[in-house]
PDB file of N, CA and C in Angstrom:
ATOM      1  N   UNK A   1       0.819  -1.196   0.000  1.00  0.00           N
ATOM      2  CA  UNK A   1       0.000   0.000   0.000  1.00  0.00           C
ATOM      3  C   UNK A   1       0.868   1.269   0.000  1.00  0.00           C
ATOM      4  N   UNK A   2       1.886   1.292   0.858  1.00  0.00           N
ATOM      5  CA  UNK A   2       2.746   2.473   0.917  1.00  0.00           C
ATOM      6  C   UNK A   2       3.557   2.639  -0.361  1.00  0.00           C
ATOM      7  N   UNK A   3       3.919   1.530  -0.995  1.00  0.00           N
ATOM      8  CA  UNK A   3       4.675   1.607  -2.252  1.00  0.00           C
ATOM      9  C   UNK A   3       3.830   2.257  -3.353  1.00  0.00           C
ATOM     10  N   UNK A   4       2.554   1.916  -3.405  1.00  0.00           N
ATOM     11  CA  UNK A   4       1.668   2.524  -4.401  1.00  0.00           C
ATOM     12  C   UNK A   4       1.467   4.004  -4.122  1.00  0.00           C
ATOM     13  N   UNK A   5       1.312   4.354  -2.856  1.00  0.00           N
ATOM     14  CA  UNK A   5       1.172   5.768  -2.501  1.00  0.00           C
ATOM     15  C   UNK A   5       2.443   6.532  -2.866  1.00  0.00           C
ATOM     16  N   UNK A   6       3.590   5.900  -2.675  1.00  0.00           N
ATOM     17  CA  UNK A   6       4.860   6.507  -3.055  1.00  0.00           C
ATOM     18  C   UNK A   6       4.920   6.739  -4.561  1.00  0.00           C
ATOM     19  N   UNK A   7       4.417   5.774  -5.341  1.00  0.00           N
ATOM     20  CA  UNK A   7       4.380   5.943  -6.798  1.00  0.00           C
ATOM     21  C   UNK A   7       3.516   7.130  -7.193  1.00  0.00           C
ATOM     22  N   UNK A   8       2.350   7.247  -6.573  1.00  0.00           N
ATOM     23  CA  UNK A   8       1.447   8.364  -6.888  1.00  0.00           C
ATOM     24  C   UNK A   8       2.091   9.697  -6.529  1.00  0.00           C
ATOM     25  N   UNK A   9       2.709   9.761  -5.351  1.00  0.00           N
ATOM     26  CA  UNK A   9       3.373  11.006  -4.947  1.00  0.00           C
ATOM     27  C   UNK A   9       4.503  11.387  -5.892  1.00  0.00           C
ATOM     28  N   UNK A  10       5.315  10.423  -6.263  1.00  0.00           N
ATOM     29  CA  UNK A  10       6.455  10.758  -7.121  1.00  0.00           C
ATOM     30  C   UNK A  10       5.988  11.185  -8.505  1.00  0.00           C
ATOM     31  N   UNK A  11       4.976  10.531  -9.067  1.00  0.00           N
ATOM     32  CA  UNK A  11       4.461  10.952 -10.369  1.00  0.00           C
ATOM     33  C   UNK A  11       3.800  12.327 -10.276  1.00  0.00           C
ATOM     34  N   UNK A  12       3.090  12.604  -9.201  1.00  0.00           N
ATOM     35  CA  UNK A  12       2.437  13.906  -9.049  1.00  0.00           C
ATOM     36  C   UNK A  12       3.473  15.025  -8.966  1.00  0.00           C
ATOM     37  N   UNK A  13       4.508  14.821  -8.169  1.00  0.00           N
ATOM     38  CA  UNK A  13       5.552  15.837  -8.057  1.00  0.00           C
ATOM     39  C   UNK A  13       6.288  16.054  -9.367  1.00  0.00           C
ATOM     40  N   UNK A  14       6.597  14.965 -10.057  1.00  0.00           N
ATOM     41  CA  UNK A  14       7.311  15.072 -11.327  1.00  0.00           C
ATOM     42  C   UNK A  14       6.454  15.744 -12.395  1.00  0.00           C
ATOM     43  N   UNK A  15       5.194  15.346 -12.508  1.00  0.00           N
ATOM     44  CA  UNK A  15       4.319  15.952 -13.520  1.00  0.00           C
ATOM     45  C   UNK A  15       4.062  17.425 -13.239  1.00  0.00           C
ATOM     46  N   UNK A  16       3.949  17.790 -11.958  1.00  0.00           N
ATOM     47  CA  UNK A  16       3.787  19.198 -11.600  1.00  0.00           C
ATOM     48  C   UNK A  16       4.991  20.003 -12.065  1.00  0.00           C
ATOM     49  N   UNK A  17       6.185  19.481 -11.831  1.00  0.00           N
ATOM     50  CA  UNK A  17       7.406  20.158 -12.263  1.00  0.00           C
ATOM     51  C   UNK A  17       7.462  20.281 -13.783  1.00  0.00           C
ATOM     52  N   UNK A  18       7.100  19.231 -14.495  1.00  0.00           N
ATOM     53  CA  UNK A  18       7.134  19.255 -15.961  1.00  0.00           C
ATOM     54  C   UNK A  18       6.114  20.250 -16.514  1.00  0.00           C
ATOM     55  N   UNK A  19       4.905  20.251 -15.973  1.00  0.00           N
ATOM     56  CA  UNK A  19       3.867  21.171 -16.463  1.00  0.00           C
ATOM     57  C   UNK A  19       4.274  22.615 -16.228  1.00  0.00           C
ATOM     58  N   UNK A  20       4.775  22.932 -15.050  1.00  0.00           N
ATOM     59  CA  UNK A  20       5.203  24.307 -14.757  1.00  0.00           C
ATOM     60  C   UNK A  20       6.352  24.715 -15.668  1.00  0.00           C
ATOM     61  N   UNK A  21       7.292  23.817 -15.923  1.00  0.00           N
ATOM     62  CA  UNK A  21       8.416  24.138 -16.799  1.00  0.00           C
ATOM     63  C   UNK A  21       7.956  24.370 -18.236  1.00  0.00           C
ATOM     64  N   UNK A  22       7.053  23.523 -18.734  1.00  0.00           N
ATOM     65  CA  UNK A  22       6.552  23.695 -20.101  1.00  0.00           C
ATOM     66  C   UNK A  22       5.780  25.005 -20.238  1.00  0.00           C
ATOM     67  N   UNK A  23       4.949  25.321 -19.268  1.00  0.00           N
ATOM     68  CA  UNK A  23       4.201  26.588 -19.308  1.00  0.00           C
ATOM     69  C   UNK A  23       5.157  27.766 -19.289  1.00  0.00           C
ATOM     70  N   UNK A  24       6.197  27.693 -18.484  1.00  0.00           N
ATOM     71  CA  UNK A  24       7.170  28.785 -18.417  1.00  0.00           C
ATOM     72  C   UNK A  24       7.923  28.947 -19.730  1.00  0.00           C
ATOM     73  N   UNK A  25       8.282  27.841 -20.372  1.00  0.00           N
ATOM     74  CA  UNK A  25       8.992  27.913 -21.652  1.00  0.00           C
ATOM     75  C   UNK A  25       8.080  28.488 -22.736  1.00  0.00           C
ATOM     76  N   UNK A  26       6.818  28.078 -22.750  1.00  0.00           N
ATOM     77  CA  UNK A  26       5.874  28.614 -23.743  1.00  0.00           C
ATOM     78  C   UNK A  26       5.673  30.104 -23.543  1.00  0.00           C
ATOM     79  N   UNK A  27       5.535  30.529 -22.295  1.00  0.00           N
ATOM     80  CA  UNK A  27       5.397  31.977 -22.036  1.00  0.00           C
ATOM     81  C   UNK A  27       6.655  32.737 -22.429  1.00  0.00           C
ATOM     82  N   UNK A  28       7.828  32.121 -22.217  1.00  0.00           N
ATOM     83  CA  UNK A  28       9.069  32.768 -22.627  1.00  0.00           C
ATOM     84  C   UNK A  28       9.110  32.945 -24.141  1.00  0.00           C
ATOM     85  N   UNK A  29       8.659  31.925 -24.865  1.00  0.00           N
ATOM     86  CA  UNK A  29       8.650  32.008 -26.327  1.00  0.00           C
ATOM     87  C   UNK A  29       7.673  33.085 -26.788  1.00  0.00           C
ATOM     88  N   UNK A  30       6.519  33.182 -26.137  1.00  0.00           N
ATOM     89  CA  UNK A  30       5.520  34.180 -26.529  1.00  0.00           C
ATOM     90  C   UNK A  30       5.948  35.595 -26.173  1.00  0.00           C
ATOM     91  N   UNK A  31       6.421  35.789 -24.956  1.00  0.00           N
ATOM     92  CA  UNK A  31       6.727  37.134 -24.465  1.00  0.00           C
ATOM     93  C   UNK A  31       8.143  37.558 -24.823  1.00  0.00           C
ATOM     94  N   UNK A  32       9.081  36.650 -24.740  1.00  0.00           N
ATOM     95  CA  UNK A  32      10.452  36.957 -25.083  1.00  0.00           C
ATOM     96  C   UNK A  32      11.316  37.371 -23.911  1.00  0.00           C
ATOM     97  N   UNK A  33      10.809  37.247 -22.707  1.00  0.00           N
ATOM     98  CA  UNK A  33      11.619  37.544 -21.529  1.00  0.00           C
ATOM     99  C   UNK A  33      11.317  36.525 -20.441  1.00  0.00           C
ATOM    100  N   UNK A  34      12.282  36.333 -19.588  1.00  0.00           N
ATOM    101  CA  UNK A  34      12.134  35.346 -18.519  1.00  0.00           C
ATOM    102  C   UNK A  34      11.442  36.022 -17.341  1.00  0.00           C
ATOM    103  N   UNK A  35      10.208  35.612 -17.084  1.00  0.00           N
ATOM    104  CA  UNK A  35       9.498  36.165 -15.937  1.00  0.00           C
ATOM    105  C   UNK A  35       8.872  35.078 -15.073  1.00  0.00           C
ATOM    106  N   UNK A  36       9.101  33.816 -15.419  1.00  0.00           N
ATOM    107  CA  UNK A  36       8.513  32.732 -14.647  1.00  0.00           C
ATOM    108  C   UNK A  36       9.561  31.833 -14.013  1.00  0.00           C
ATOM    109  N   UNK A  37      10.758  32.348 -13.812  1.00  0.00           N
ATOM    110  CA  UNK A  37      11.818  31.532 -13.223  1.00  0.00           C
ATOM    111  C   UNK A  37      11.461  31.178 -11.787  1.00  0.00           C
ATOM    112  N   UNK A  38      10.733  32.053 -11.096  1.00  0.00           N
ATOM    113  CA  UNK A  38      10.341  31.750  -9.722  1.00  0.00           C
ATOM    114  C   UNK A  38       9.330  30.606  -9.671  1.00  0.00           C
ATOM    115  N   UNK A  39       8.476  30.482 -10.692  1.00  0.00           N
ATOM    116  CA  UNK A  39       7.542  29.363 -10.731  1.00  0.00           C
ATOM    117  C   UNK A  39       8.283  28.032 -10.841  1.00  0.00           C
ATOM    118  N   UNK A  40       9.338  27.999 -11.663  1.00  0.00           N
ATOM    119  CA  UNK A  40      10.134  26.781 -11.806  1.00  0.00           C
ATOM    120  C   UNK A  40      10.854  26.470 -10.498  1.00  0.00           C
ATOM    121  N   UNK A  41      11.333  27.495  -9.821  1.00  0.00           N
ATOM    122  CA  UNK A  41      12.013  27.293  -8.550  1.00  0.00           C
ATOM    123  C   UNK A  41      11.041  26.730  -7.508  1.00  0.00           C
ATOM    124  N   UNK A  42       9.837  27.287  -7.431  1.00  0.00           N
ATOM    125  CA  UNK A  42       8.847  26.785  -6.472  1.00  0.00           C
ATOM    126  C   UNK A  42       8.411  25.361  -6.811  1.00  0.00           C
ATOM    127  N   UNK A  43       8.285  25.051  -8.093  1.00  0.00           N
ATOM    128  CA  UNK A  43       7.929  23.689  -8.495  1.00  0.00           C
ATOM    129  C   UNK A  43       9.045  22.715  -8.125  1.00  0.00           C
ATOM    130  N   UNK A  44      10.306  23.137  -8.256  1.00  0.00           N
ATOM    131  CA  UNK A  44      11.433  22.284  -7.862  1.00  0.00           C
ATOM    132  C   UNK A  44      11.443  22.051  -6.353  1.00  0.00           C
ATOM    133  N   UNK A  45      11.129  23.091  -5.595  1.00  0.00           N
ATOM    134  CA  UNK A  45      11.041  22.939  -4.136  1.00  0.00           C
ATOM    135  C   UNK A  45       9.907  21.989  -3.779  1.00  0.00           C
ATOM    136  N   UNK A  46       8.773  22.112  -4.465  1.00  0.00           N
ATOM    137  CA  UNK A  46       7.647  21.214  -4.239  1.00  0.00           C
ATOM    138  C   UNK A  46       8.039  19.770  -4.537  1.00  0.00           C
ATOM    139  N   UNK A  47       8.778  19.562  -5.622  1.00  0.00           N
ATOM    140  CA  UNK A  47       9.233  18.214  -5.971  1.00  0.00           C
ATOM    141  C   UNK A  47      10.193  17.687  -4.907  1.00  0.00           C
ATOM    142  N   UNK A  48      11.021  18.536  -4.363  1.00  0.00           N
ATOM    143  CA  UNK A  48      11.920  18.128  -3.277  1.00  0.00           C
ATOM    144  C   UNK A  48      11.165  17.753  -2.014  1.00  0.00           C
ATOM    145  N   UNK A  49      10.092  18.482  -1.720  1.00  0.00           N
ATOM    146  CA  UNK A  49       9.258  18.145  -0.558  1.00  0.00           C
ATOM    147  C   UNK A  49       8.582  16.790  -0.760  1.00  0.00           C
ATOM    148  N   UNK A  50       8.087  16.558  -1.981  1.00  0.00           N
ATOM    149  CA  UNK A  50       7.467  15.270  -2.293  1.00  0.00           C
ATOM    150  C   UNK A  50       8.497  14.146  -2.159  1.00  0.00           C
ATOM    151  N   UNK A  51       9.722  14.383  -2.604  1.00  0.00           N
ATOM    152  CA  UNK A  51      10.778  13.367  -2.486  1.00  0.00           C
ATOM    153  C   UNK A  51      11.089  13.090  -1.019  1.00  0.00           C
ATOM    154  N   UNK A  52      11.075  14.112  -0.183  1.00  0.00           N
ATOM    155  CA  UNK A  52      11.321  13.927   1.243  1.00  0.00           C
ATOM    156  C   UNK A  52      10.195  13.121   1.891  1.00  0.00           C
ATOM    157  N   UNK A  53       8.958  13.412   1.512  1.00  0.00           N
ATOM    158  CA  UNK A  53       7.827  12.638   2.025  1.00  0.00           C
ATOM    159  C   UNK A  53       7.965  11.174   1.606  1.00  0.00           C
ATOM    160  N   UNK A  54       8.368  10.934   0.362  1.00  0.00           N
ATOM    161  CA  UNK A  54       8.594   9.564  -0.095  1.00  0.00           C
ATOM    162  C   UNK A  54       9.702   8.897   0.713  1.00  0.00           C
ATOM    163  N   UNK A  55      10.736   9.644   1.052  1.00  0.00           N
ATOM    164  CA  UNK A  55      11.816   9.086   1.860  1.00  0.00           C
ATOM    165  C   UNK A  55      11.295   8.668   3.236  1.00  0.00           C
ATOM    166  N   UNK A  56      10.429   9.496   3.809  1.00  0.00           N
ATOM    167  CA  UNK A  56       9.874   9.166   5.117  1.00  0.00           C
ATOM    168  C   UNK A  56       8.919   7.977   5.049  1.00  0.00           C
ATOM    169  N   UNK A  57       8.229   7.817   3.918  1.00  0.00           N
ATOM    170  CA  UNK A  57       7.261   6.729   3.796  1.00  0.00           C
ATOM    171  C   UNK A  57       7.940   5.400   3.480  1.00  0.00           C
ATOM    172  N   UNK A  58       8.767   5.363   2.432  1.00  0.00           N
ATOM    173  CA  UNK A  58       9.325   4.089   1.978  1.00  0.00           C
ATOM    174  C   UNK A  58      10.832   3.972   2.148  1.00  0.00           C
ATOM    175  N   UNK A  59      11.498   5.014   2.608  1.00  0.00           N
ATOM    176  CA  UNK A  59      12.923   4.905   2.897  1.00  0.00           C
ATOM    177  C   UNK A  59      13.852   5.247   1.752  1.00  0.00           C
ATOM    178  N   UNK A  60      13.345   5.895   0.689  1.00  0.00           N
ATOM    179  CA  UNK A  60      14.237   6.326  -0.394  1.00  0.00           C
ATOM    180  C   UNK A  60      13.640   7.536  -1.098  1.00  0.00           C
ATOM    181  N   UNK A  61      14.539   8.396  -1.563  1.00  0.00           N
ATOM    182  CA  UNK A  61      14.107   9.566  -2.335  1.00  0.00           C
ATOM    183  C   UNK A  61      13.697   9.104  -3.721  1.00  0.00           C
ATOM    184  N   UNK A  62      12.679   9.707  -4.258  1.00  0.00           N
ATOM    185  CA  UNK A  62      12.245   9.369  -5.612  1.00  0.00           C
ATOM    186  C   UNK A  62      12.007  10.674  -6.360  1.00  0.00           C
ATOM    187  N   UNK A  63      13.076  11.254  -6.859  1.00  0.00           N
ATOM    188  CA  UNK A  63      12.926  12.468  -7.655  1.00  0.00           C
ATOM    189  C   UNK A  63      12.395  12.136  -9.044  1.00  0.00           C
ATOM    190  N   UNK A  64      12.791  10.989  -9.554  1.00  0.00           N
ATOM    191  CA  UNK A  64      12.264  10.504 -10.834  1.00  0.00           C
ATOM    192  C   UNK A  64      11.339   9.327 -10.549  1.00  0.00           C
ATOM    193  N   UNK A  65      10.122   9.349 -11.063  1.00  0.00           N
ATOM    194  CA  UNK A  65       9.149   8.328 -10.694  1.00  0.00           C
ATOM    195  C   UNK A  65       9.487   6.916 -11.169  1.00  0.00           C
ATOM    196  N   UNK A  66      10.269   6.760 -12.202  1.00  0.00           N
ATOM    197  CA  UNK A  66      10.551   5.431 -12.730  1.00  0.00           C
ATOM    198  C   UNK A  66      11.774   4.787 -12.098  1.00  0.00           C
ATOM    199  N   UNK A  67      12.358   5.390 -11.108  1.00  0.00           N
ATOM    200  CA  UNK A  67      13.529   4.805 -10.433  1.00  0.00           C
ATOM    201  C   UNK A  67      13.126   4.167  -9.151  1.00  0.00           C
TER     202      UNK A  67
END
């Protein structure tokens, strides 16, 4: 049960990071200036928090969901 919850958490954190990064890149292409770097930083921090929660649950960090 905890292993499955760990899988869900790691995929959620990773997909959140990917979506925020893609949105930031698209906005950069449209606008032409970097104004969403803080969003990527916050998404990376969120992914790190999710990895820490996974470490507490199953005993290992999972920054990438397929590892």
